[in-house]
Amino acid sequence: MPNDEEEQDRMDITHHIWLMLLGGELYNAPITSSPQNILDLGTGTGIWAMDIAETFPGAHVIGNDISPIQPNWVAPNIEFIIEDFESEWTYKLNHFDFIHARCLAGCVADWPEFIRRIYGHVKPGGYFESHESAVWARSDDGSLKEDSALMEWQQAVNLAGDKSGRELNIYHKLKDWMIAAGFEDVSLTVYALPFSPWPRDPHLKALGKYQAVQLQQAIDSYSLRLYTQVLGWSPDAAQIHNAIVKRELRDKKLHAYVQTVAVHGRKPLRS
């Protein structure tokens, strides 16, 4: 994924979209006491970590990422660490009251092992919550055609993700992986995210406005490297194809959307 200013703006728009999906909340987990230690995996611009640090000023919040794009001036209870979360962790076991991960599809090679590692570092009674989106659009009225450029884009990036060993469409597997890791009271909430403001419902229409903006950049962010370095496309062919996809997305007759999920689970007090 790129990390330039345009991509950082896209990440912040994505944060706003998730706030809208979750009704203005940063998480769904039923946290009833003030957490002391919080970890945000793949923090990106750090916007979620900064918001959660403001929500729980008594907590020590760590946000990690492989890219140093987080702000330098932050609240005293936030720490940003540059590291690869797929490498060995130096955090203490049973340490975090809450671990959060969002939009990591395509960033993790072994999800079951990743979630088992998270489980080991959550305190007994603590929570892990993951927010992910399908990388596969659908329509209920047939407006997303099988021979469309958008459908071709979906097929290509998912093929490339599989070839690179980093599957993109993992959103529907998270609940089972969390249960297998040992989490209990695992709860899954599914949301619909329109690709443009086509729905009549005011909330979905507002979501679609933000998603339409976010998608224009996301098409390149998710696919250019996969196209050129995994599938062997030329840069020109990749950019031309993506331009066609973006044009299709601006078509008001396209009533496409994706499913997004928020999944949380609690580590048992005795495991």
C-alpha atoms as a PDB file:
ATOM      1  CA  MET A   1       0.000   0.000   0.000  1.00  0.00           C
ATOM      2  CA  PRO A   2       1.232   3.546  -0.648  1.00  0.00           C
ATOM      3  CA  ASN A   3       1.854   5.941   2.226  1.00  0.00           C
ATOM      4  CA  ASP A   4       1.804   9.347   0.520  1.00  0.00           C
ATOM      5  CA  GLU A   5      -0.369  12.271   1.550  1.00  0.00           C
ATOM      6  CA  GLU A   6      -3.239  11.222  -0.703  1.00  0.00           C
ATOM      7  CA  GLU A   7      -3.250   7.743   0.829  1.00  0.00           C
ATOM      8  CA  GLN A   8      -3.170   9.175   4.331  1.00  0.00           C
ATOM      9  CA  ASP A   9      -6.219  11.288   3.496  1.00  0.00           C
ATOM     10  CA  ARG A  10      -7.938   8.120   2.253  1.00  0.00           C
ATOM     11  CA  MET A  11      -7.151   6.363   5.541  1.00  0.00           C
ATOM     12  CA  ASP A  12      -8.694   9.213   7.503  1.00  0.00           C
ATOM     13  CA  ILE A  13     -11.818   9.112   5.325  1.00  0.00           C
ATOM     14  CA  THR A  14     -11.996   5.371   6.013  1.00  0.00           C
ATOM     15  CA  HIS A  15     -11.835   6.131   9.740  1.00  0.00           C
ATOM     16  CA  HIS A  16     -14.802   8.479   9.367  1.00  0.00           C
ATOM     17  CA  ILE A  17     -16.728   5.825   7.442  1.00  0.00           C
ATOM     18  CA  TRP A  18     -16.176   3.315  10.239  1.00  0.00           C
ATOM     19  CA  LEU A  19     -17.341   5.859  12.804  1.00  0.00           C
ATOM     20  CA  MET A  20     -20.536   6.209  10.779  1.00  0.00           C
ATOM     21  CA  LEU A  21     -20.941   2.435  10.494  1.00  0.00           C
ATOM     22  CA  LEU A  22     -20.516   1.977  14.247  1.00  0.00           C
ATOM     23  CA  GLY A  23     -22.902   4.776  15.156  1.00  0.00           C
ATOM     24  CA  GLY A  24     -20.163   7.194  16.186  1.00  0.00           C
ATOM     25  CA  GLU A  25     -18.334   4.651  18.354  1.00  0.00           C
ATOM     26  CA  LEU A  26     -14.743   3.443  18.018  1.00  0.00           C
ATOM     27  CA  TYR A  27     -15.616  -0.171  18.849  1.00  0.00           C
ATOM     28  CA  ASN A  28     -18.502  -2.516  19.604  1.00  0.00           C
ATOM     29  CA  ALA A  29     -16.956  -4.576  22.405  1.00  0.00           C
ATOM     30  CA  PRO A  30     -18.791  -4.230  25.744  1.00  0.00           C
ATOM     31  CA  ILE A  31     -15.890  -2.697  27.637  1.00  0.00           C
ATOM     32  CA  THR A  32     -17.283  -1.911  31.084  1.00  0.00           C
ATOM     33  CA  SER A  33     -14.153  -0.686  32.867  1.00  0.00           C
ATOM     34  CA  SER A  34     -11.379   1.706  31.906  1.00  0.00           C
ATOM     35  CA  PRO A  35      -8.664  -0.235  30.032  1.00  0.00           C
ATOM     36  CA  GLN A  36      -5.069   0.357  31.079  1.00  0.00           C
ATOM     37  CA  ASN A  37      -3.260  -0.917  27.978  1.00  0.00           C
ATOM     38  CA  ILE A  38      -4.546  -0.723  24.396  1.00  0.00           C
ATOM     39  CA  LEU A  39      -2.831  -1.864  21.182  1.00  0.00           C
ATOM     40  CA  ASP A  40      -3.822  -0.678  17.705  1.00  0.00           C
ATOM     41  CA  LEU A  41      -2.350  -3.000  15.078  1.00  0.00           C
ATOM     42  CA  GLY A  42      -1.422  -1.397  11.753  1.00  0.00           C
ATOM     43  CA  THR A  43      -2.364   2.034  13.063  1.00  0.00           C
ATOM     44  CA  GLY A  44      -1.811   3.886   9.767  1.00  0.00           C
ATOM     45  CA  THR A  45      -2.117   7.606  10.392  1.00  0.00           C
ATOM     46  CA  GLY A  46      -2.810   6.855  14.054  1.00  0.00           C
ATOM     47  CA  ILE A  47      -6.235   8.473  14.004  1.00  0.00           C
ATOM     48  CA  TRP A  48      -8.032   5.593  15.781  1.00  0.00           C
ATOM     49  CA  ALA A  49      -5.287   5.394  18.409  1.00  0.00           C
ATOM     50  CA  MET A  50      -5.511   9.124  19.067  1.00  0.00           C
ATOM     51  CA  ASP A  51      -9.295   8.941  19.400  1.00  0.00           C
ATOM     52  CA  ILE A  52      -9.183   5.968  21.772  1.00  0.00           C
ATOM     53  CA  ALA A  53      -6.489   7.706  23.838  1.00  0.00           C
ATOM     54  CA  GLU A  54      -8.814  10.676  24.226  1.00  0.00           C
ATOM     55  CA  THR A  55     -11.684   8.358  25.176  1.00  0.00           C
ATOM     56  CA  PHE A  56      -9.550   6.640  27.831  1.00  0.00           C
ATOM     57  CA  PRO A  57      -7.025   9.228  29.045  1.00  0.00           C
ATOM     58  CA  GLY A  58      -5.858   6.868  31.777  1.00  0.00           C
ATOM     59  CA  ALA A  59      -4.835   4.176  29.281  1.00  0.00           C
ATOM     60  CA  HIS A  60      -1.460   3.671  27.663  1.00  0.00           C
ATOM     61  CA  VAL A  61      -2.161   3.370  23.931  1.00  0.00           C
ATOM     62  CA  ILE A  62       0.334   1.844  21.484  1.00  0.00           C
ATOM     63  CA  GLY A  63      -0.151   2.096  17.734  1.00  0.00           C
ATOM     64  CA  ASN A  64       2.241   0.137  15.537  1.00  0.00           C
ATOM     65  CA  ASP A  65       2.867   0.259  11.811  1.00  0.00           C
ATOM     66  CA  ILE A  66       5.659  -0.429   9.316  1.00  0.00           C
ATOM     67  CA  SER A  67       5.417   3.130   7.977  1.00  0.00           C
ATOM     68  CA  PRO A  68       6.345   6.233  10.058  1.00  0.00           C
ATOM     69  CA  ILE A  69       3.440   8.448   8.998  1.00  0.00           C
ATOM     70  CA  GLN A  70       1.974   9.167  12.439  1.00  0.00           C
ATOM     71  CA  PRO A  71       2.125  12.667  13.960  1.00  0.00           C
ATOM     72  CA  ASN A  72       4.963  13.546  16.340  1.00  0.00           C
ATOM     73  CA  TRP A  73       2.918  15.716  18.667  1.00  0.00           C
ATOM     74  CA  VAL A  74       0.351  13.545  20.397  1.00  0.00           C
ATOM     75  CA  ALA A  75      -1.226  13.101  23.813  1.00  0.00           C
ATOM     76  CA  PRO A  76       1.160  11.829  26.497  1.00  0.00           C
ATOM     77  CA  ASN A  77      -0.678   8.502  26.767  1.00  0.00           C
ATOM     78  CA  ILE A  78       0.007   7.543  23.116  1.00  0.00           C
ATOM     79  CA  GLU A  79       3.102   5.767  21.802  1.00  0.00           C
ATOM     80  CA  PHE A  80       3.661   5.037  18.111  1.00  0.00           C
ATOM     81  CA  ILE A  81       6.080   2.215  17.295  1.00  0.00           C
ATOM     82  CA  ILE A  82       7.481   1.400  13.855  1.00  0.00           C
ATOM     83  CA  GLU A  83       7.525  -2.369  13.522  1.00  0.00           C
ATOM     84  CA  ASP A  84       6.178  -5.261  11.487  1.00  0.00           C
ATOM     85  CA  PHE A  85       3.409  -6.916  13.481  1.00  0.00           C
ATOM     86  CA  GLU A  86       4.117 -10.181  11.656  1.00  0.00           C
ATOM     87  CA  SER A  87       7.581 -10.297  13.265  1.00  0.00           C
ATOM     88  CA  GLU A  88       8.124 -11.540  16.811  1.00  0.00           C
ATOM     89  CA  TRP A  89       6.346  -9.412  19.397  1.00  0.00           C
ATOM     90  CA  THR A  90       8.246  -7.991  22.356  1.00  0.00           C
ATOM     91  CA  TYR A  91       5.068  -7.111  24.246  1.00  0.00           C
ATOM     92  CA  LYS A  92       4.319  -8.995  27.453  1.00  0.00           C
ATOM     93  CA  LEU A  93       1.857 -11.861  27.322  1.00  0.00           C
ATOM     94  CA  ASN A  94      -1.565 -11.251  28.902  1.00  0.00           C
ATOM     95  CA  HIS A  95      -0.835  -7.522  28.850  1.00  0.00           C
ATOM     96  CA  PHE A  96      -3.456  -5.666  26.813  1.00  0.00           C
ATOM     97  CA  ASP A  97      -6.994  -4.953  27.936  1.00  0.00           C
ATOM     98  CA  PHE A  98      -8.004  -4.235  24.348  1.00  0.00           C
ATOM     99  CA  ILE A  99      -6.398  -4.975  20.978  1.00  0.00           C
ATOM    100  CA  HIS A 100      -7.854  -3.412  17.844  1.00  0.00           C
ATOM    101  CA  ALA A 101      -7.210  -4.182  14.172  1.00  0.00           C
ATOM    102  CA  ARG A 102      -8.847  -2.554  11.161  1.00  0.00           C
ATOM    103  CA  CYS A 103      -8.556  -2.994   7.394  1.00  0.00           C
ATOM    104  CA  LEU A 104      -5.633  -5.417   7.520  1.00  0.00           C
ATOM    105  CA  ALA A 105      -6.886  -7.647   4.689  1.00  0.00           C
ATOM    106  CA  GLY A 106      -3.955  -8.240   2.355  1.00  0.00           C
ATOM    107  CA  CYS A 107      -1.448  -7.397   5.109  1.00  0.00           C
ATOM    108  CA  VAL A 108      -1.392 -10.731   6.958  1.00  0.00           C
ATOM    109  CA  ALA A 109      -0.024 -13.999   5.609  1.00  0.00           C
ATOM    110  CA  ASP A 110      -1.325 -16.340   8.325  1.00  0.00           C
ATOM    111  CA  TRP A 111      -4.505 -15.038   9.933  1.00  0.00           C
ATOM    112  CA  PRO A 112      -5.139 -17.977  12.312  1.00  0.00           C
ATOM    113  CA  GLU A 113      -1.607 -17.641  13.701  1.00  0.00           C
ATOM    114  CA  PHE A 114      -1.956 -13.846  13.850  1.00  0.00           C
ATOM    115  CA  ILE A 115      -5.143 -14.126  15.916  1.00  0.00           C
ATOM    116  CA  ARG A 116      -3.591 -16.773  18.173  1.00  0.00           C
ATOM    117  CA  ARG A 117      -0.744 -14.340  18.849  1.00  0.00           C
ATOM    118  CA  ILE A 118      -3.264 -11.614  19.666  1.00  0.00           C
ATOM    119  CA  TYR A 119      -5.045 -13.996  22.022  1.00  0.00           C
ATOM    120  CA  GLY A 120      -1.825 -14.626  23.913  1.00  0.00           C
ATOM    121  CA  HIS A 121      -1.257 -10.918  24.478  1.00  0.00           C
ATOM    122  CA  VAL A 122      -4.790 -10.017  25.609  1.00  0.00           C
ATOM    123  CA  LYS A 123      -5.388 -10.056  29.356  1.00  0.00           C
ATOM    124  CA  PRO A 124      -7.874 -12.618  30.669  1.00  0.00           C
ATOM    125  CA  GLY A 125     -11.199 -10.799  30.458  1.00  0.00           C
ATOM    126  CA  GLY A 126      -9.834  -8.426  27.784  1.00  0.00           C
ATOM    127  CA  TYR A 127     -11.123  -7.964  24.249  1.00  0.00           C
ATOM    128  CA  PHE A 128      -9.936  -8.167  20.668  1.00  0.00           C
ATOM    129  CA  GLU A 129     -11.951  -6.408  17.948  1.00  0.00           C
ATOM    130  CA  SER A 130     -11.415  -6.539  14.199  1.00  0.00           C
ATOM    131  CA  HIS A 131     -13.037  -4.381  11.514  1.00  0.00           C
ATOM    132  CA  GLU A 132     -12.805  -5.605   7.927  1.00  0.00           C
ATOM    133  CA  SER A 133     -14.541  -5.134   4.613  1.00  0.00           C
ATOM    134  CA  ALA A 134     -15.191  -7.500   1.776  1.00  0.00           C
ATOM    135  CA  VAL A 135     -13.035  -6.849  -1.262  1.00  0.00           C
ATOM    136  CA  TRP A 136     -15.934  -7.954  -3.387  1.00  0.00           C
ATOM    137  CA  ALA A 137     -18.812  -5.706  -4.416  1.00  0.00           C
ATOM    138  CA  ARG A 138     -22.329  -6.913  -5.090  1.00  0.00           C
ATOM    139  CA  SER A 139     -25.633  -5.491  -6.259  1.00  0.00           C
ATOM    140  CA  ASP A 140     -29.157  -6.672  -5.562  1.00  0.00           C
ATOM    141  CA  ASP A 141     -30.650  -5.337  -8.782  1.00  0.00           C
ATOM    142  CA  GLY A 142     -28.162  -6.695 -11.321  1.00  0.00           C
ATOM    143  CA  SER A 143     -26.592  -3.298 -11.988  1.00  0.00           C
ATOM    144  CA  LEU A 144     -23.119  -4.728 -11.305  1.00  0.00           C
ATOM    145  CA  LYS A 145     -22.513  -6.713 -14.480  1.00  0.00           C
ATOM    146  CA  GLU A 146     -20.385  -9.838 -14.647  1.00  0.00           C
ATOM    147  CA  ASP A 147     -18.439  -8.391 -17.591  1.00  0.00           C
ATOM    148  CA  SER A 148     -17.831  -4.987 -15.979  1.00  0.00           C
ATOM    149  CA  ALA A 149     -14.394  -3.513 -15.351  1.00  0.00           C
ATOM    150  CA  LEU A 150     -15.167  -3.418 -11.629  1.00  0.00           C
ATOM    151  CA  MET A 151     -15.852  -7.151 -11.609  1.00  0.00           C
ATOM    152  CA  GLU A 152     -12.607  -7.734 -13.533  1.00  0.00           C
ATOM    153  CA  TRP A 153     -10.768  -5.584 -10.976  1.00  0.00           C
ATOM    154  CA  GLN A 154     -12.162  -7.655  -8.109  1.00  0.00           C
ATOM    155  CA  GLN A 155     -11.181 -10.910  -9.746  1.00  0.00           C
ATOM    156  CA  ALA A 156      -7.671  -9.645 -10.535  1.00  0.00           C
ATOM    157  CA  VAL A 157      -6.813  -8.253  -7.090  1.00  0.00           C
ATOM    158  CA  ASN A 158      -8.157 -11.326  -5.323  1.00  0.00           C
ATOM    159  CA  LEU A 159      -6.139 -13.589  -7.619  1.00  0.00           C
ATOM    160  CA  ALA A 160      -3.045 -11.484  -6.952  1.00  0.00           C
ATOM    161  CA  GLY A 161      -3.673 -11.560  -3.202  1.00  0.00           C
ATOM    162  CA  ASP A 162      -3.889 -15.342  -3.281  1.00  0.00           C
ATOM    163  CA  LYS A 163      -0.725 -15.593  -5.395  1.00  0.00           C
ATOM    164  CA  SER A 164       1.185 -13.350  -3.005  1.00  0.00           C
ATOM    165  CA  GLY A 165       0.049 -15.410  -0.013  1.00  0.00           C
ATOM    166  CA  ARG A 166      -2.007 -12.576   1.502  1.00  0.00           C
ATOM    167  CA  GLU A 167      -5.688 -13.280   0.993  1.00  0.00           C
ATOM    168  CA  LEU A 168      -7.906 -10.223   0.666  1.00  0.00           C
ATOM    169  CA  ASN A 169     -11.389 -11.600   1.312  1.00  0.00           C
ATOM    170  CA  ILE A 170     -11.066 -12.726   4.916  1.00  0.00           C
ATOM    171  CA  TYR A 171     -13.926 -10.744   6.467  1.00  0.00           C
ATOM    172  CA  HIS A 172     -16.296 -13.736   6.640  1.00  0.00           C
ATOM    173  CA  LYS A 173     -13.691 -15.995   8.322  1.00  0.00           C
ATOM    174  CA  LEU A 174     -12.785 -13.771  11.262  1.00  0.00           C
ATOM    175  CA  LYS A 175     -15.435 -15.064  13.658  1.00  0.00           C
ATOM    176  CA  ASP A 176     -14.427 -18.710  13.209  1.00  0.00           C
ATOM    177  CA  TRP A 177     -10.732 -17.857  13.531  1.00  0.00           C
ATOM    178  CA  MET A 178     -11.363 -15.975  16.768  1.00  0.00           C
ATOM    179  CA  ILE A 179     -13.380 -18.850  18.222  1.00  0.00           C
ATOM    180  CA  ALA A 180     -10.660 -21.312  17.195  1.00  0.00           C
ATOM    181  CA  ALA A 181      -8.034 -19.137  18.929  1.00  0.00           C
ATOM    182  CA  GLY A 182      -9.968 -19.393  22.195  1.00  0.00           C
ATOM    183  CA  PHE A 183     -11.982 -16.190  22.358  1.00  0.00           C
ATOM    184  CA  GLU A 184     -15.456 -16.512  23.827  1.00  0.00           C
ATOM    185  CA  ASP A 185     -18.658 -14.499  23.449  1.00  0.00           C
ATOM    186  CA  VAL A 186     -17.563 -13.752  19.889  1.00  0.00           C
ATOM    187  CA  SER A 187     -20.006 -11.317  18.294  1.00  0.00           C
ATOM    188  CA  LEU A 188     -20.261 -10.469  14.595  1.00  0.00           C
ATOM    189  CA  THR A 189     -22.058  -7.405  13.227  1.00  0.00           C
ATOM    190  CA  VAL A 190     -22.496  -7.036   9.455  1.00  0.00           C
ATOM    191  CA  TYR A 191     -22.956  -3.646   7.796  1.00  0.00           C
ATOM    192  CA  ALA A 192     -23.761  -2.628   4.225  1.00  0.00           C
ATOM    193  CA  LEU A 193     -21.491   0.015   2.713  1.00  0.00           C
ATOM    194  CA  PRO A 194     -22.773   1.554  -0.551  1.00  0.00           C
ATOM    195  CA  PHE A 195     -20.275   2.566  -3.221  1.00  0.00           C
ATOM    196  CA  SER A 196     -22.081   5.834  -3.936  1.00  0.00           C
ATOM    197  CA  PRO A 197     -25.059   7.803  -2.560  1.00  0.00           C
ATOM    198  CA  TRP A 198     -27.584   5.703  -4.480  1.00  0.00           C
ATOM    199  CA  PRO A 199     -29.662   4.376  -1.501  1.00  0.00           C
ATOM    200  CA  ARG A 200     -32.805   6.204  -0.418  1.00  0.00           C
ATOM    201  CA  ASP A 201     -32.060   5.642   3.257  1.00  0.00           C
ATOM    202  CA  PRO A 202     -30.458   8.886   4.554  1.00  0.00           C
ATOM    203  CA  HIS A 203     -27.788   7.094   6.606  1.00  0.00           C
ATOM    204  CA  LEU A 204     -26.764   4.789   3.759  1.00  0.00           C
ATOM    205  CA  LYS A 205     -26.816   7.715   1.315  1.00  0.00           C
ATOM    206  CA  ALA A 206     -24.423   9.652   3.569  1.00  0.00           C
ATOM    207  CA  LEU A 207     -22.164   6.612   3.854  1.00  0.00           C
ATOM    208  CA  GLY A 208     -22.176   6.303   0.077  1.00  0.00           C
ATOM    209  CA  LYS A 209     -20.990   9.887  -0.348  1.00  0.00           C
ATOM    210  CA  TYR A 210     -17.872   9.250   1.700  1.00  0.00           C
ATOM    211  CA  GLN A 211     -17.284   5.811   0.225  1.00  0.00           C
ATOM    212  CA  ALA A 212     -17.477   7.203  -3.316  1.00  0.00           C
ATOM    213  CA  VAL A 213     -14.612   9.581  -2.508  1.00  0.00           C
ATOM    214  CA  GLN A 214     -12.591   6.913  -0.714  1.00  0.00           C
ATOM    215  CA  LEU A 215     -12.970   4.397  -3.543  1.00  0.00           C
ATOM    216  CA  GLN A 216     -11.520   6.652  -6.215  1.00  0.00           C
ATOM    217  CA  GLN A 217      -8.156   6.391  -4.462  1.00  0.00           C
ATOM    218  CA  ALA A 218      -8.597   2.884  -3.045  1.00  0.00           C
ATOM    219  CA  ILE A 219      -8.780   1.372  -6.534  1.00  0.00           C
ATOM    220  CA  ASP A 220      -5.142   2.381  -7.138  1.00  0.00           C
ATOM    221  CA  SER A 221      -4.006   1.819  -3.551  1.00  0.00           C
ATOM    222  CA  TYR A 222      -5.091  -1.807  -3.509  1.00  0.00           C
ATOM    223  CA  SER A 223      -4.235  -2.865  -7.026  1.00  0.00           C
ATOM    224  CA  LEU A 224      -1.306  -1.095  -8.706  1.00  0.00           C
ATOM    225  CA  ARG A 225       1.426  -3.021  -6.927  1.00  0.00           C
ATOM    226  CA  LEU A 226      -0.477  -6.306  -7.208  1.00  0.00           C
ATOM    227  CA  TYR A 227      -1.103  -5.756 -10.911  1.00  0.00           C
ATOM    228  CA  THR A 228       2.483  -4.887 -11.790  1.00  0.00           C
ATOM    229  CA  GLN A 229       4.551  -6.976  -9.364  1.00  0.00           C
ATOM    230  CA  VAL A 230       2.365 -10.064  -8.955  1.00  0.00           C
ATOM    231  CA  LEU A 231       0.297 -10.353 -12.144  1.00  0.00           C
ATOM    232  CA  GLY A 232       2.922  -8.846 -14.466  1.00  0.00           C
ATOM    233  CA  TRP A 233       0.811  -6.060 -15.935  1.00  0.00           C
ATOM    234  CA  SER A 234       2.564  -3.013 -17.330  1.00  0.00           C
ATOM    235  CA  PRO A 235       2.107   0.243 -15.343  1.00  0.00           C
ATOM    236  CA  ASP A 236       0.263   1.785 -18.296  1.00  0.00           C
ATOM    237  CA  ALA A 237      -2.159  -1.131 -18.600  1.00  0.00           C
ATOM    238  CA  ALA A 238      -2.840  -1.052 -14.855  1.00  0.00           C
ATOM    239  CA  GLN A 239      -3.529   2.676 -14.793  1.00  0.00           C
ATOM    240  CA  ILE A 240      -5.747   2.574 -17.880  1.00  0.00           C
ATOM    241  CA  HIS A 241      -7.772  -0.294 -16.474  1.00  0.00           C
ATOM    242  CA  ASN A 242      -8.193   1.454 -13.138  1.00  0.00           C
ATOM    243  CA  ALA A 243      -9.340   4.630 -14.879  1.00  0.00           C
ATOM    244  CA  ILE A 244     -12.135   2.625 -16.494  1.00  0.00           C
ATOM    245  CA  VAL A 245     -13.078   1.108 -13.130  1.00  0.00           C
ATOM    246  CA  LYS A 246     -13.237   4.561 -11.511  1.00  0.00           C
ATOM    247  CA  ARG A 247     -15.458   5.799 -14.330  1.00  0.00           C
ATOM    248  CA  GLU A 248     -17.831   2.876 -13.763  1.00  0.00           C
ATOM    249  CA  LEU A 249     -17.962   3.689 -10.056  1.00  0.00           C
ATOM    250  CA  ARG A 250     -19.148   7.216 -10.885  1.00  0.00           C
ATOM    251  CA  ASP A 251     -22.122   5.827 -12.815  1.00  0.00           C
ATOM    252  CA  LYS A 252     -25.244   6.659 -10.794  1.00  0.00           C
ATOM    253  CA  LYS A 253     -26.991   3.613 -12.229  1.00  0.00           C
ATOM    254  CA  LEU A 254     -24.534   1.300 -10.458  1.00  0.00           C
ATOM    255  CA  HIS A 255     -26.112   0.219  -7.162  1.00  0.00           C
ATOM    256  CA  ALA A 256     -23.097  -1.603  -5.742  1.00  0.00           C
ATOM    257  CA  TYR A 257     -22.148  -2.149  -2.123  1.00  0.00           C
ATOM    258  CA  VAL A 258     -19.910  -4.310   0.043  1.00  0.00           C
ATOM    259  CA  GLN A 259     -20.421  -6.061   3.332  1.00  0.00           C
ATOM    260  CA  THR A 260     -18.267  -4.908   6.228  1.00  0.00           C
ATOM    261  CA  VAL A 261     -17.942  -6.627   9.584  1.00  0.00           C
ATOM    262  CA  ALA A 262     -17.038  -5.755  13.149  1.00  0.00           C
ATOM    263  CA  VAL A 263     -16.097  -8.834  15.171  1.00  0.00           C
ATOM    264  CA  HIS A 264     -15.106  -8.862  18.830  1.00  0.00           C
ATOM    265  CA  GLY A 265     -14.378 -11.544  21.370  1.00  0.00           C
ATOM    266  CA  ARG A 266     -13.321 -11.807  25.013  1.00  0.00           C
ATOM    267  CA  LYS A 267     -10.451 -13.819  26.390  1.00  0.00           C
ATOM    268  CA  PRO A 268     -11.758 -16.097  29.142  1.00  0.00           C
ATOM    269  CA  LEU A 269     -10.776 -15.272  32.691  1.00  0.00           C
ATOM    270  CA  ARG A 270      -9.362 -18.771  32.843  1.00  0.00           C
ATOM    271  CA  SER A 271      -7.919 -20.316  29.707  1.00  0.00           C
END
